[in-house]
Amino acid sequence: MQAWRVHDNGEPREVMRLDEVPDPVAGPGQLLVRVLAVNVNFPDALLCRGHYQVRPPLPFTPGVELCGEVVAVGEGAEGEVGSRILATPTLPAGGFAELVAVDAANTLPAPDALDDAEAAALHIGYQTGWFGLHRRAALRSGETLLVHAAAGGVGTAAVQLGKAAGARVIGVVGGADKARVAREIGCDLVLDRRTDDLVAAVKEATGGRGADVVYDPVGGDAFAKSVKCVAFEGRIVVVGFASGVVPQAALNHALVKNYAILGLHWGLYNTKDPAAVRSCHDELTKLAAEGTVRPLASERVPLADAADAVQRVAEGVTTGRVVVVPGRTTGGTR
């Protein structure tokens, strides 16, 4: 079969190679899955660069979430051949491949309401948004939610989940094209970080109060501006550092302004509270069936274009989700 592998650390476009490798087999407790669609995540680029908190041995195959069809069931595993599932492969055997063996215990049923590409994008980003907004920040109906990188894969999920919770959502983007996407997915107000005075605009839009909850997958300057426009008893959810800059929080400022800084590493819930992960998936499946949330799989590309897709996501030039579809023969949008 074909699989993308990283042989040295560096930029994705330079270090990912499409190799011919032996077909995997389903070991004890595993399912062998034919990959239908694999979502591109920013951590895929960090893995290529060797900058992620997990450093798999070289060579490894990136791709941390997928939608696939079960083709074989290993000894002791629960699963049904032909069923469509969501999976988070265990590296070094990631999802940018035609086949992958995954732990059956870490799989979930793919929502019937979503196609393969949409389903592949539902898991990590939407689970992160759900845990961040509800379990960590306790977002309430009527509150104001500020979402950075609102047109990206993580941001679009947070926007949709915020609207589903009854919040007023302010989206921050970079550029006119991304502003258009943010409006289309439901932002009540869209601010362009390149041209708008973010702090002044948020305060004006909230009558001087500020944002009750800030969802920040960017870090750097985004965090620095967030602390200036977060409300009294507001909550800033730190999701990641796509800017490449890890900010240093001034705790004296958090003290005098009475706001909370909340960290969120969603992956920990898989081991700390797996029941909550499955409960969250049930809720997301329900929201998808209702049409309340729908991953913006704005670009679907063939397996041959995976390295370029990871590079472009890393550079922040994409909107919504870029999804690799191994059965696709040409690139392009939906």
C-alpha atoms as a PDB file:
ATOM      1  CA  MET A   1       0.000   0.000   0.000  1.00  0.00           C
ATOM      2  CA  GLN A   2       0.965   3.674  -0.159  1.00  0.00           C
ATOM      3  CA  ALA A   3       1.684   5.683   2.974  1.00  0.00           C
ATOM      4  CA  TRP A   4       3.258   9.065   3.632  1.00  0.00           C
ATOM      5  CA  ARG A   5       6.258   8.807   5.942  1.00  0.00           C
ATOM      6  CA  VAL A   6       8.503  11.338   7.629  1.00  0.00           C
ATOM      7  CA  HIS A   7      12.152  10.229   7.531  1.00  0.00           C
ATOM      8  CA  ASP A   8      13.721  13.424   8.921  1.00  0.00           C
ATOM      9  CA  ASN A   9      12.329  16.388  10.819  1.00  0.00           C
ATOM     10  CA  GLY A  10      11.635  19.569   8.896  1.00  0.00           C
ATOM     11  CA  GLU A  11       8.943  21.337   6.866  1.00  0.00           C
ATOM     12  CA  PRO A  12       6.165  18.924   5.797  1.00  0.00           C
ATOM     13  CA  ARG A  13       6.565  19.537   2.079  1.00  0.00           C
ATOM     14  CA  GLU A  14      10.258  18.694   2.325  1.00  0.00           C
ATOM     15  CA  VAL A  15      10.288  15.701   4.681  1.00  0.00           C
ATOM     16  CA  MET A  16       7.100  13.782   3.866  1.00  0.00           C
ATOM     17  CA  ARG A  17       7.608  11.003   1.301  1.00  0.00           C
ATOM     18  CA  LEU A  18       4.970   8.803  -0.297  1.00  0.00           C
ATOM     19  CA  ASP A  19       6.345   5.281   0.143  1.00  0.00           C
ATOM     20  CA  GLU A  20       5.275   1.780  -0.799  1.00  0.00           C
ATOM     21  CA  VAL A  21       5.019  -0.202   2.433  1.00  0.00           C
ATOM     22  CA  PRO A  22       3.594  -3.595   3.425  1.00  0.00           C
ATOM     23  CA  ASP A  23      -0.106  -3.727   4.262  1.00  0.00           C
ATOM     24  CA  PRO A  24      -0.686  -3.618   8.030  1.00  0.00           C
ATOM     25  CA  VAL A  25      -2.602  -6.362   9.825  1.00  0.00           C
ATOM     26  CA  ALA A  26      -5.080  -6.154  12.679  1.00  0.00           C
ATOM     27  CA  GLY A  27      -3.320  -7.292  15.843  1.00  0.00           C
ATOM     28  CA  PRO A  28      -5.027  -8.281  19.108  1.00  0.00           C
ATOM     29  CA  GLY A  29      -7.564  -5.617  20.088  1.00  0.00           C
ATOM     30  CA  GLN A  30      -7.186  -3.821  16.750  1.00  0.00           C
ATOM     31  CA  LEU A  31      -9.245  -3.094  13.670  1.00  0.00           C
ATOM     32  CA  LEU A  32      -7.789  -2.903  10.184  1.00  0.00           C
ATOM     33  CA  VAL A  33      -9.310   0.144   8.514  1.00  0.00           C
ATOM     34  CA  ARG A  34      -9.444   1.317   4.916  1.00  0.00           C
ATOM     35  CA  VAL A  35      -8.929   5.056   5.128  1.00  0.00           C
ATOM     36  CA  LEU A  36     -11.851   6.953   3.590  1.00  0.00           C
ATOM     37  CA  ALA A  37     -10.769  10.426   4.690  1.00  0.00           C
ATOM     38  CA  VAL A  38      -8.110  11.856   6.994  1.00  0.00           C
ATOM     39  CA  ASN A  39      -8.321  15.372   8.360  1.00  0.00           C
ATOM     40  CA  VAL A  40      -5.238  17.615   8.275  1.00  0.00           C
ATOM     41  CA  ASN A  41      -4.446  19.132  11.679  1.00  0.00           C
ATOM     42  CA  PHE A  42      -1.839  21.683  12.710  1.00  0.00           C
ATOM     43  CA  PRO A  43      -0.196  19.059  14.966  1.00  0.00           C
ATOM     44  CA  ASP A  44       0.610  17.070  11.806  1.00  0.00           C
ATOM     45  CA  ALA A  45       2.991  19.875  10.827  1.00  0.00           C
ATOM     46  CA  LEU A  46       4.423  20.082  14.348  1.00  0.00           C
ATOM     47  CA  LEU A  47       5.072  16.333  14.234  1.00  0.00           C
ATOM     48  CA  CYS A  48       6.944  16.731  10.951  1.00  0.00           C
ATOM     49  CA  ARG A  49       9.049  19.496  12.467  1.00  0.00           C
ATOM     50  CA  GLY A  50       9.722  17.536  15.647  1.00  0.00           C
ATOM     51  CA  HIS A  51       8.053  20.286  17.692  1.00  0.00           C
ATOM     52  CA  TYR A  52       5.062  18.381  19.048  1.00  0.00           C
ATOM     53  CA  GLN A  53       4.849  17.135  22.644  1.00  0.00           C
ATOM     54  CA  VAL A  54       4.937  13.584  21.247  1.00  0.00           C
ATOM     55  CA  ARG A  55       7.914  12.634  19.067  1.00  0.00           C
ATOM     56  CA  PRO A  56       7.315   9.295  17.348  1.00  0.00           C
ATOM     57  CA  PRO A  57      10.303   7.302  16.094  1.00  0.00           C
ATOM     58  CA  LEU A  58      11.403   7.912  12.511  1.00  0.00           C
ATOM     59  CA  PRO A  59      10.119   7.072  10.009  1.00  0.00           C
ATOM     60  CA  PHE A  60       6.488   7.680  10.959  1.00  0.00           C
ATOM     61  CA  THR A  61       3.213   8.361   9.184  1.00  0.00           C
ATOM     62  CA  PRO A  62       1.364  11.545  10.261  1.00  0.00           C
ATOM     63  CA  GLY A  63      -2.419  11.869  10.339  1.00  0.00           C
ATOM     64  CA  VAL A  64      -4.061  11.951  13.756  1.00  0.00           C
ATOM     65  CA  GLU A  65      -7.768  11.551  12.940  1.00  0.00           C
ATOM     66  CA  LEU A  66      -9.654   9.725  10.219  1.00  0.00           C
ATOM     67  CA  CYS A  67     -12.873   8.258   8.987  1.00  0.00           C
ATOM     68  CA  GLY A  68     -12.509   4.707   7.737  1.00  0.00           C
ATOM     69  CA  GLU A  69     -14.205   1.437   6.877  1.00  0.00           C
ATOM     70  CA  VAL A  70     -13.411  -1.653   8.934  1.00  0.00           C
ATOM     71  CA  VAL A  71     -11.995  -4.416   6.719  1.00  0.00           C
ATOM     72  CA  ALA A  72     -10.717  -6.853   9.377  1.00  0.00           C
ATOM     73  CA  VAL A  73     -11.186  -7.428  13.111  1.00  0.00           C
ATOM     74  CA  GLY A  74      -8.287  -8.537  15.273  1.00  0.00           C
ATOM     75  CA  GLU A  75      -8.435 -11.105  18.053  1.00  0.00           C
ATOM     76  CA  GLY A  76     -10.417  -9.841  21.035  1.00  0.00           C
ATOM     77  CA  ALA A  77     -11.444  -6.614  19.327  1.00  0.00           C
ATOM     78  CA  GLU A  78     -15.014  -5.379  19.078  1.00  0.00           C
ATOM     79  CA  GLY A  79     -15.963  -4.254  15.596  1.00  0.00           C
ATOM     80  CA  GLU A  80     -17.894  -5.143  12.474  1.00  0.00           C
ATOM     81  CA  VAL A  81     -16.448  -5.481   8.992  1.00  0.00           C
ATOM     82  CA  GLY A  82     -17.985  -2.865   6.717  1.00  0.00           C
ATOM     83  CA  SER A  83     -18.824  -0.406   9.493  1.00  0.00           C
ATOM     84  CA  ARG A  84     -17.777   3.241   9.176  1.00  0.00           C
ATOM     85  CA  ILE A  85     -15.818   4.572  12.133  1.00  0.00           C
ATOM     86  CA  LEU A  86     -13.807   7.516  13.415  1.00  0.00           C
ATOM     87  CA  ALA A  87     -10.350   6.709  14.754  1.00  0.00           C
ATOM     88  CA  THR A  88      -7.297   8.384  16.215  1.00  0.00           C
ATOM     89  CA  PRO A  89      -4.391   6.191  15.046  1.00  0.00           C
ATOM     90  CA  THR A  90      -1.489   5.527  17.355  1.00  0.00           C
ATOM     91  CA  LEU A  91       1.751   6.890  15.918  1.00  0.00           C
ATOM     92  CA  PRO A  92       4.068   5.957  14.277  1.00  0.00           C
ATOM     93  CA  ALA A  93       1.268   4.482  12.134  1.00  0.00           C
ATOM     94  CA  GLY A  94      -0.876   7.541  11.362  1.00  0.00           C
ATOM     95  CA  GLY A  95      -3.702   8.061   8.942  1.00  0.00           C
ATOM     96  CA  PHE A  96      -2.024   9.386   5.774  1.00  0.00           C
ATOM     97  CA  ALA A  97      -2.121   5.931   4.226  1.00  0.00           C
ATOM     98  CA  GLU A  98      -4.450   3.618   2.364  1.00  0.00           C
ATOM     99  CA  LEU A  99      -4.797   1.219   5.298  1.00  0.00           C
ATOM    100  CA  VAL A 100      -4.119   1.560   9.023  1.00  0.00           C
ATOM    101  CA  ALA A 101      -4.500  -0.660  12.083  1.00  0.00           C
ATOM    102  CA  VAL A 102      -6.144   1.144  15.009  1.00  0.00           C
ATOM    103  CA  ASP A 103      -7.004   0.225  18.589  1.00  0.00           C
ATOM    104  CA  ALA A 104     -10.676  -0.748  18.642  1.00  0.00           C
ATOM    105  CA  ALA A 105     -11.123   0.882  22.054  1.00  0.00           C
ATOM    106  CA  ASN A 106     -10.241   4.282  20.567  1.00  0.00           C
ATOM    107  CA  THR A 107     -12.825   4.228  17.786  1.00  0.00           C
ATOM    108  CA  LEU A 108     -16.263   5.811  17.554  1.00  0.00           C
ATOM    109  CA  PRO A 109     -19.130   5.336  15.099  1.00  0.00           C
ATOM    110  CA  ALA A 110     -19.087   7.844  12.233  1.00  0.00           C
ATOM    111  CA  PRO A 111     -22.237  10.026  12.238  1.00  0.00           C
ATOM    112  CA  ASP A 112     -24.643   9.043   9.477  1.00  0.00           C
ATOM    113  CA  ALA A 113     -25.482  12.704   8.853  1.00  0.00           C
ATOM    114  CA  LEU A 114     -21.938  13.500   7.680  1.00  0.00           C
ATOM    115  CA  ASP A 115     -20.024  12.351   4.629  1.00  0.00           C
ATOM    116  CA  ASP A 116     -16.553  10.840   4.991  1.00  0.00           C
ATOM    117  CA  ALA A 117     -14.614  14.118   4.831  1.00  0.00           C
ATOM    118  CA  GLU A 118     -16.955  15.898   7.236  1.00  0.00           C
ATOM    119  CA  ALA A 119     -16.905  12.973   9.647  1.00  0.00           C
ATOM    120  CA  ALA A 120     -13.094  12.863   9.635  1.00  0.00           C
ATOM    121  CA  ALA A 121     -13.084  16.513  10.735  1.00  0.00           C
ATOM    122  CA  LEU A 122     -15.654  16.115  13.510  1.00  0.00           C
ATOM    123  CA  HIS A 123     -13.588  14.394  16.148  1.00  0.00           C
ATOM    124  CA  ILE A 124     -10.573  16.261  17.560  1.00  0.00           C
ATOM    125  CA  GLY A 125     -11.516  19.851  16.668  1.00  0.00           C
ATOM    126  CA  TYR A 126     -15.107  19.574  17.824  1.00  0.00           C
ATOM    127  CA  GLN A 127     -14.256  17.566  20.930  1.00  0.00           C
ATOM    128  CA  THR A 128     -11.670  20.223  21.783  1.00  0.00           C
ATOM    129  CA  GLY A 129     -14.261  22.929  21.279  1.00  0.00           C
ATOM    130  CA  TRP A 130     -16.869  21.138  23.335  1.00  0.00           C
ATOM    131  CA  PHE A 131     -14.584  20.433  26.288  1.00  0.00           C
ATOM    132  CA  GLY A 132     -13.078  23.910  26.098  1.00  0.00           C
ATOM    133  CA  LEU A 133     -16.327  25.830  25.958  1.00  0.00           C
ATOM    134  CA  HIS A 134     -18.451  23.654  28.227  1.00  0.00           C
ATOM    135  CA  ARG A 135     -16.282  21.668  30.635  1.00  0.00           C
ATOM    136  CA  ARG A 136     -13.522  24.245  31.084  1.00  0.00           C
ATOM    137  CA  ALA A 137     -15.158  27.633  30.477  1.00  0.00           C
ATOM    138  CA  ALA A 138     -18.792  26.774  31.350  1.00  0.00           C
ATOM    139  CA  LEU A 139     -20.081  28.963  28.522  1.00  0.00           C
ATOM    140  CA  ARG A 140     -23.639  30.153  29.149  1.00  0.00           C
ATOM    141  CA  SER A 141     -26.383  31.228  26.786  1.00  0.00           C
ATOM    142  CA  GLY A 142     -26.322  34.990  26.251  1.00  0.00           C
ATOM    143  CA  GLU A 143     -22.596  35.350  26.933  1.00  0.00           C
ATOM    144  CA  THR A 144     -20.124  36.762  24.423  1.00  0.00           C
ATOM    145  CA  LEU A 145     -17.577  34.335  22.983  1.00  0.00           C
ATOM    146  CA  LEU A 146     -14.460  35.622  21.215  1.00  0.00           C
ATOM    147  CA  VAL A 147     -12.880  33.080  18.850  1.00  0.00           C
ATOM    148  CA  HIS A 148      -9.417  33.625  17.382  1.00  0.00           C
ATOM    149  CA  ALA A 149      -8.633  32.116  13.958  1.00  0.00           C
ATOM    150  CA  ALA A 150     -12.374  31.811  13.481  1.00  0.00           C
ATOM    151  CA  ALA A 151     -12.139  30.717   9.835  1.00  0.00           C
ATOM    152  CA  GLY A 152      -9.720  27.859  10.504  1.00  0.00           C
ATOM    153  CA  GLY A 153     -10.513  24.249  11.313  1.00  0.00           C
ATOM    154  CA  VAL A 154     -10.398  24.646  15.105  1.00  0.00           C
ATOM    155  CA  GLY A 155     -12.015  28.072  15.018  1.00  0.00           C
ATOM    156  CA  THR A 156     -14.978  27.111  12.841  1.00  0.00           C
ATOM    157  CA  ALA A 157     -15.786  24.290  15.258  1.00  0.00           C
ATOM    158  CA  ALA A 158     -15.736  26.691  18.228  1.00  0.00           C
ATOM    159  CA  VAL A 159     -17.937  29.184  16.380  1.00  0.00           C
ATOM    160  CA  GLN A 160     -20.571  26.558  15.583  1.00  0.00           C
ATOM    161  CA  LEU A 161     -20.513  25.145  19.112  1.00  0.00           C
ATOM    162  CA  GLY A 162     -20.706  28.624  20.613  1.00  0.00           C
ATOM    163  CA  LYS A 163     -23.762  29.446  18.532  1.00  0.00           C
ATOM    164  CA  ALA A 164     -25.315  26.104  19.482  1.00  0.00           C
ATOM    165  CA  ALA A 165     -24.869  27.085  23.135  1.00  0.00           C
ATOM    166  CA  GLY A 166     -26.691  30.373  22.599  1.00  0.00           C
ATOM    167  CA  ALA A 167     -23.646  32.640  22.796  1.00  0.00           C
ATOM    168  CA  ARG A 168     -23.008  35.779  20.799  1.00  0.00           C
ATOM    169  CA  VAL A 169     -19.861  35.011  18.801  1.00  0.00           C
ATOM    170  CA  ILE A 170     -17.166  37.458  17.738  1.00  0.00           C
ATOM    171  CA  GLY A 171     -14.722  35.943  15.269  1.00  0.00           C
ATOM    172  CA  VAL A 172     -11.176  37.174  14.668  1.00  0.00           C
ATOM    173  CA  VAL A 173      -9.598  36.431  11.280  1.00  0.00           C
ATOM    174  CA  GLY A 174      -6.795  37.603   9.014  1.00  0.00           C
ATOM    175  CA  GLY A 175      -7.987  38.852   5.629  1.00  0.00           C
ATOM    176  CA  ALA A 176     -11.170  39.435   3.648  1.00  0.00           C
ATOM    177  CA  ASP A 177     -11.568  35.850   2.406  1.00  0.00           C
ATOM    178  CA  LYS A 178     -11.419  34.478   5.910  1.00  0.00           C
ATOM    179  CA  ALA A 179     -13.806  37.168   7.127  1.00  0.00           C
ATOM    180  CA  ARG A 180     -16.347  35.993   4.549  1.00  0.00           C
ATOM    181  CA  VAL A 181     -16.034  32.394   5.768  1.00  0.00           C
ATOM    182  CA  ALA A 182     -16.430  33.461   9.408  1.00  0.00           C
ATOM    183  CA  ARG A 183     -19.656  35.301   8.575  1.00  0.00           C
ATOM    184  CA  GLU A 184     -20.996  32.340   6.619  1.00  0.00           C
ATOM    185  CA  ILE A 185     -20.503  29.932   9.524  1.00  0.00           C
ATOM    186  CA  GLY A 186     -22.424  32.169  11.921  1.00  0.00           C
ATOM    187  CA  CYS A 187     -20.208  34.792  13.577  1.00  0.00           C
ATOM    188  CA  ASP A 188     -22.303  37.721  14.791  1.00  0.00           C
ATOM    189  CA  LEU A 189     -19.361  40.072  14.389  1.00  0.00           C
ATOM    190  CA  VAL A 190     -16.140  39.510  12.443  1.00  0.00           C
ATOM    191  CA  LEU A 191     -12.927  41.440  13.142  1.00  0.00           C
ATOM    192  CA  ASP A 192      -9.881  41.471  10.887  1.00  0.00           C
ATOM    193  CA  ARG A 193      -6.753  41.401  13.031  1.00  0.00           C
ATOM    194  CA  ARG A 194      -4.837  43.076  10.198  1.00  0.00           C
ATOM    195  CA  THR A 195      -7.017  46.185  10.011  1.00  0.00           C
ATOM    196  CA  ASP A 196      -9.261  46.404  13.094  1.00  0.00           C
ATOM    197  CA  ASP A 197      -8.388  47.589  16.582  1.00  0.00           C
ATOM    198  CA  LEU A 198      -9.347  44.324  18.239  1.00  0.00           C
ATOM    199  CA  VAL A 199      -9.457  45.518  21.835  1.00  0.00           C
ATOM    200  CA  ALA A 200     -11.456  48.670  21.072  1.00  0.00           C
ATOM    201  CA  ALA A 201     -13.873  46.823  18.791  1.00  0.00           C
ATOM    202  CA  VAL A 202     -14.626  44.074  21.331  1.00  0.00           C
ATOM    203  CA  LYS A 203     -15.221  46.618  24.071  1.00  0.00           C
ATOM    204  CA  GLU A 204     -17.482  48.671  21.822  1.00  0.00           C
ATOM    205  CA  ALA A 205     -19.468  45.607  20.764  1.00  0.00           C
ATOM    206  CA  THR A 206     -20.001  44.556  24.402  1.00  0.00           C
ATOM    207  CA  GLY A 207     -20.793  47.954  25.869  1.00  0.00           C
ATOM    208  CA  GLY A 208     -17.404  48.098  27.562  1.00  0.00           C
ATOM    209  CA  ARG A 209     -17.779  44.758  29.327  1.00  0.00           C
ATOM    210  CA  GLY A 210     -15.521  42.638  27.140  1.00  0.00           C
ATOM    211  CA  ALA A 211     -15.746  38.990  26.064  1.00  0.00           C
ATOM    212  CA  ASP A 212     -16.981  36.518  28.672  1.00  0.00           C
ATOM    213  CA  VAL A 213     -15.071  33.636  27.076  1.00  0.00           C
ATOM    214  CA  VAL A 214     -12.047  33.763  24.769  1.00  0.00           C
ATOM    215  CA  TYR A 215     -11.117  30.703  22.712  1.00  0.00           C
ATOM    216  CA  ASP A 216      -7.462  30.983  21.735  1.00  0.00           C
ATOM    217  CA  PRO A 217      -5.693  28.433  19.515  1.00  0.00           C
ATOM    218  CA  VAL A 218      -3.173  31.078  18.388  1.00  0.00           C
ATOM    219  CA  GLY A 219      -1.223  32.428  21.377  1.00  0.00           C
ATOM    220  CA  GLY A 220       1.282  35.230  20.887  1.00  0.00           C
ATOM    221  CA  ASP A 221      -0.289  38.591  20.083  1.00  0.00           C
ATOM    222  CA  ALA A 222      -3.792  37.078  20.128  1.00  0.00           C
ATOM    223  CA  PHE A 223      -3.396  36.226  23.817  1.00  0.00           C
ATOM    224  CA  ALA A 224      -1.859  39.618  24.590  1.00  0.00           C
ATOM    225  CA  LYS A 225      -4.912  41.364  23.153  1.00  0.00           C
ATOM    226  CA  SER A 226      -7.345  38.923  24.727  1.00  0.00           C
ATOM    227  CA  VAL A 227      -6.338  39.832  28.272  1.00  0.00           C
ATOM    228  CA  LYS A 228      -7.077  43.466  27.428  1.00  0.00           C
ATOM    229  CA  CYS A 229     -10.647  42.788  26.325  1.00  0.00           C
ATOM    230  CA  VAL A 230     -11.752  39.878  28.514  1.00  0.00           C
ATOM    231  CA  ALA A 231     -14.682  40.641  30.821  1.00  0.00           C
ATOM    232  CA  PHE A 232     -14.767  40.718  34.610  1.00  0.00           C
ATOM    233  CA  GLU A 233     -14.820  37.060  35.669  1.00  0.00           C
ATOM    234  CA  GLY A 234     -14.157  36.111  32.056  1.00  0.00           C
ATOM    235  CA  ARG A 235     -12.396  32.919  30.989  1.00  0.00           C
ATOM    236  CA  ILE A 236      -9.585  32.546  28.455  1.00  0.00           C
ATOM    237  CA  VAL A 237      -9.266  29.006  27.110  1.00  0.00           C
ATOM    238  CA  VAL A 238      -5.721  28.290  25.907  1.00  0.00           C
ATOM    239  CA  VAL A 239      -6.028  25.701  23.135  1.00  0.00           C
ATOM    240  CA  GLY A 240      -2.736  26.008  21.261  1.00  0.00           C
ATOM    241  CA  PHE A 241      -0.028  28.221  19.837  1.00  0.00           C
ATOM    242  CA  ALA A 242      -0.477  28.313  16.070  1.00  0.00           C
ATOM    243  CA  SER A 243       1.422  31.610  15.980  1.00  0.00           C
ATOM    244  CA  GLY A 244       4.517  29.786  17.194  1.00  0.00           C
ATOM    245  CA  VAL A 245       4.764  32.076  20.233  1.00  0.00           C
ATOM    246  CA  VAL A 246       3.917  30.753  23.700  1.00  0.00           C
ATOM    247  CA  PRO A 247       2.806  33.805  25.717  1.00  0.00           C
ATOM    248  CA  GLN A 248       3.880  34.474  29.273  1.00  0.00           C
ATOM    249  CA  ALA A 249       0.813  35.236  31.385  1.00  0.00           C
ATOM    250  CA  ALA A 250       0.986  38.181  33.810  1.00  0.00           C
ATOM    251  CA  LEU A 251      -0.751  36.647  36.799  1.00  0.00           C
ATOM    252  CA  ASN A 252      -0.940  39.978  38.594  1.00  0.00           C
ATOM    253  CA  HIS A 253      -3.138  41.200  35.726  1.00  0.00           C
ATOM    254  CA  ALA A 254      -5.387  38.135  36.035  1.00  0.00           C
ATOM    255  CA  LEU A 255      -5.656  38.864  39.751  1.00  0.00           C
ATOM    256  CA  VAL A 256      -6.647  42.522  39.523  1.00  0.00           C
ATOM    257  CA  LYS A 257      -9.074  41.938  36.630  1.00  0.00           C
ATOM    258  CA  ASN A 258     -10.627  38.729  38.002  1.00  0.00           C
ATOM    259  CA  TYR A 259     -10.329  36.537  34.923  1.00  0.00           C
ATOM    260  CA  ALA A 260      -9.303  32.911  34.593  1.00  0.00           C
ATOM    261  CA  ILE A 261      -6.745  31.342  32.261  1.00  0.00           C
ATOM    262  CA  LEU A 262      -7.762  27.771  31.483  1.00  0.00           C
ATOM    263  CA  GLY A 263      -5.532  25.238  29.782  1.00  0.00           C
ATOM    264  CA  LEU A 264      -7.002  22.584  27.526  1.00  0.00           C
ATOM    265  CA  HIS A 265      -5.199  19.487  26.293  1.00  0.00           C
ATOM    266  CA  TRP A 266      -8.099  17.440  24.969  1.00  0.00           C
ATOM    267  CA  GLY A 267      -6.022  14.293  24.421  1.00  0.00           C
ATOM    268  CA  LEU A 268      -5.715  13.788  28.165  1.00  0.00           C
ATOM    269  CA  TYR A 269      -9.429  13.067  28.422  1.00  0.00           C
ATOM    270  CA  ASN A 270      -8.906   9.868  26.416  1.00  0.00           C
ATOM    271  CA  THR A 271      -7.102   8.426  29.442  1.00  0.00           C
ATOM    272  CA  LYS A 272      -8.441  10.563  32.313  1.00  0.00           C
ATOM    273  CA  ASP A 273     -12.138  10.403  31.424  1.00  0.00           C
ATOM    274  CA  PRO A 274     -12.870   8.282  28.336  1.00  0.00           C
ATOM    275  CA  ALA A 275     -16.567   8.083  29.254  1.00  0.00           C
ATOM    276  CA  ALA A 276     -16.785  11.855  28.852  1.00  0.00           C
ATOM    277  CA  VAL A 277     -15.226  11.597  25.381  1.00  0.00           C
ATOM    278  CA  ARG A 278     -17.877   9.126  24.281  1.00  0.00           C
ATOM    279  CA  SER A 279     -20.636  11.211  25.841  1.00  0.00           C
ATOM    280  CA  CYS A 280     -19.327  14.242  23.971  1.00  0.00           C
ATOM    281  CA  HIS A 281     -19.336  12.246  20.727  1.00  0.00           C
ATOM    282  CA  ASP A 282     -22.971  11.322  21.306  1.00  0.00           C
ATOM    283  CA  GLU A 283     -23.823  14.998  21.720  1.00  0.00           C
ATOM    284  CA  LEU A 284     -21.847  15.998  18.620  1.00  0.00           C
ATOM    285  CA  THR A 285     -23.567  13.244  16.619  1.00  0.00           C
ATOM    286  CA  LYS A 286     -26.927  14.611  17.750  1.00  0.00           C
ATOM    287  CA  LEU A 287     -25.973  18.165  16.789  1.00  0.00           C
ATOM    288  CA  ALA A 288     -24.787  16.941  13.392  1.00  0.00           C
ATOM    289  CA  ALA A 289     -28.063  15.086  12.810  1.00  0.00           C
ATOM    290  CA  GLU A 290     -29.959  18.277  13.641  1.00  0.00           C
ATOM    291  CA  GLY A 291     -27.759  20.270  11.272  1.00  0.00           C
ATOM    292  CA  THR A 292     -26.600  22.514  14.128  1.00  0.00           C
ATOM    293  CA  VAL A 293     -22.942  21.693  13.492  1.00  0.00           C
ATOM    294  CA  ARG A 294     -21.326  20.601  10.257  1.00  0.00           C
ATOM    295  CA  PRO A 295     -17.551  20.548   9.755  1.00  0.00           C
ATOM    296  CA  LEU A 296     -16.486  22.893   6.988  1.00  0.00           C
ATOM    297  CA  ALA A 297     -14.587  20.414   4.811  1.00  0.00           C
ATOM    298  CA  SER A 298     -13.791  23.195   2.379  1.00  0.00           C
ATOM    299  CA  GLU A 299     -10.998  21.409   0.529  1.00  0.00           C
ATOM    300  CA  ARG A 300     -10.684  17.724  -0.339  1.00  0.00           C
ATOM    301  CA  VAL A 301      -7.466  16.472  -1.896  1.00  0.00           C
ATOM    302  CA  PRO A 302      -6.098  13.084  -3.032  1.00  0.00           C
ATOM    303  CA  LEU A 303      -3.504  11.150  -1.058  1.00  0.00           C
ATOM    304  CA  ALA A 304      -0.785  12.314  -3.461  1.00  0.00           C
ATOM    305  CA  ASP A 305      -1.316  15.923  -2.305  1.00  0.00           C
ATOM    306  CA  ALA A 306      -1.136  15.262   1.448  1.00  0.00           C
ATOM    307  CA  ALA A 307       2.308  16.800   2.027  1.00  0.00           C
ATOM    308  CA  ASP A 308       1.308  20.018   0.292  1.00  0.00           C
ATOM    309  CA  ALA A 309      -1.927  20.088   2.304  1.00  0.00           C
ATOM    310  CA  VAL A 310      -0.081  19.762   5.627  1.00  0.00           C
ATOM    311  CA  GLN A 311       2.311  22.531   4.580  1.00  0.00           C
ATOM    312  CA  ARG A 312      -0.495  24.925   3.680  1.00  0.00           C
ATOM    313  CA  VAL A 313      -2.339  24.285   6.932  1.00  0.00           C
ATOM    314  CA  ALA A 314       0.923  24.979   8.781  1.00  0.00           C
ATOM    315  CA  GLU A 315       1.284  28.269   6.936  1.00  0.00           C
ATOM    316  CA  GLY A 316      -2.235  29.370   7.875  1.00  0.00           C
ATOM    317  CA  VAL A 317      -3.380  29.992   4.298  1.00  0.00           C
ATOM    318  CA  THR A 318      -6.367  27.612   4.371  1.00  0.00           C
ATOM    319  CA  THR A 319      -9.929  28.059   5.600  1.00  0.00           C
ATOM    320  CA  GLY A 320     -12.094  25.456   7.241  1.00  0.00           C
ATOM    321  CA  ARG A 321     -10.734  21.942   7.033  1.00  0.00           C
ATOM    322  CA  VAL A 322      -8.447  20.406   4.434  1.00  0.00           C
ATOM    323  CA  VAL A 323      -9.209  16.702   4.187  1.00  0.00           C
ATOM    324  CA  VAL A 324      -7.172  14.048   2.395  1.00  0.00           C
ATOM    325  CA  VAL A 325      -9.389  11.529   0.603  1.00  0.00           C
ATOM    326  CA  PRO A 326      -7.278   8.551  -0.581  1.00  0.00           C
ATOM    327  CA  GLY A 327      -9.873   7.483  -3.141  1.00  0.00           C
ATOM    328  CA  ARG A 328      -9.923  10.908  -4.766  1.00  0.00           C
ATOM    329  CA  THR A 329      -7.966  11.278  -8.004  1.00  0.00           C
ATOM    330  CA  THR A 330      -7.850  15.091  -8.279  1.00  0.00           C
ATOM    331  CA  GLY A 331      -7.603  17.960  -5.827  1.00  0.00           C
ATOM    332  CA  GLY A 332     -10.061  20.784  -5.294  1.00  0.00           C
ATOM    333  CA  THR A 333     -12.971  21.849  -3.106  1.00  0.00           C
ATOM    334  CA  ARG A 334     -16.161  20.048  -2.204  1.00  0.00           C
END
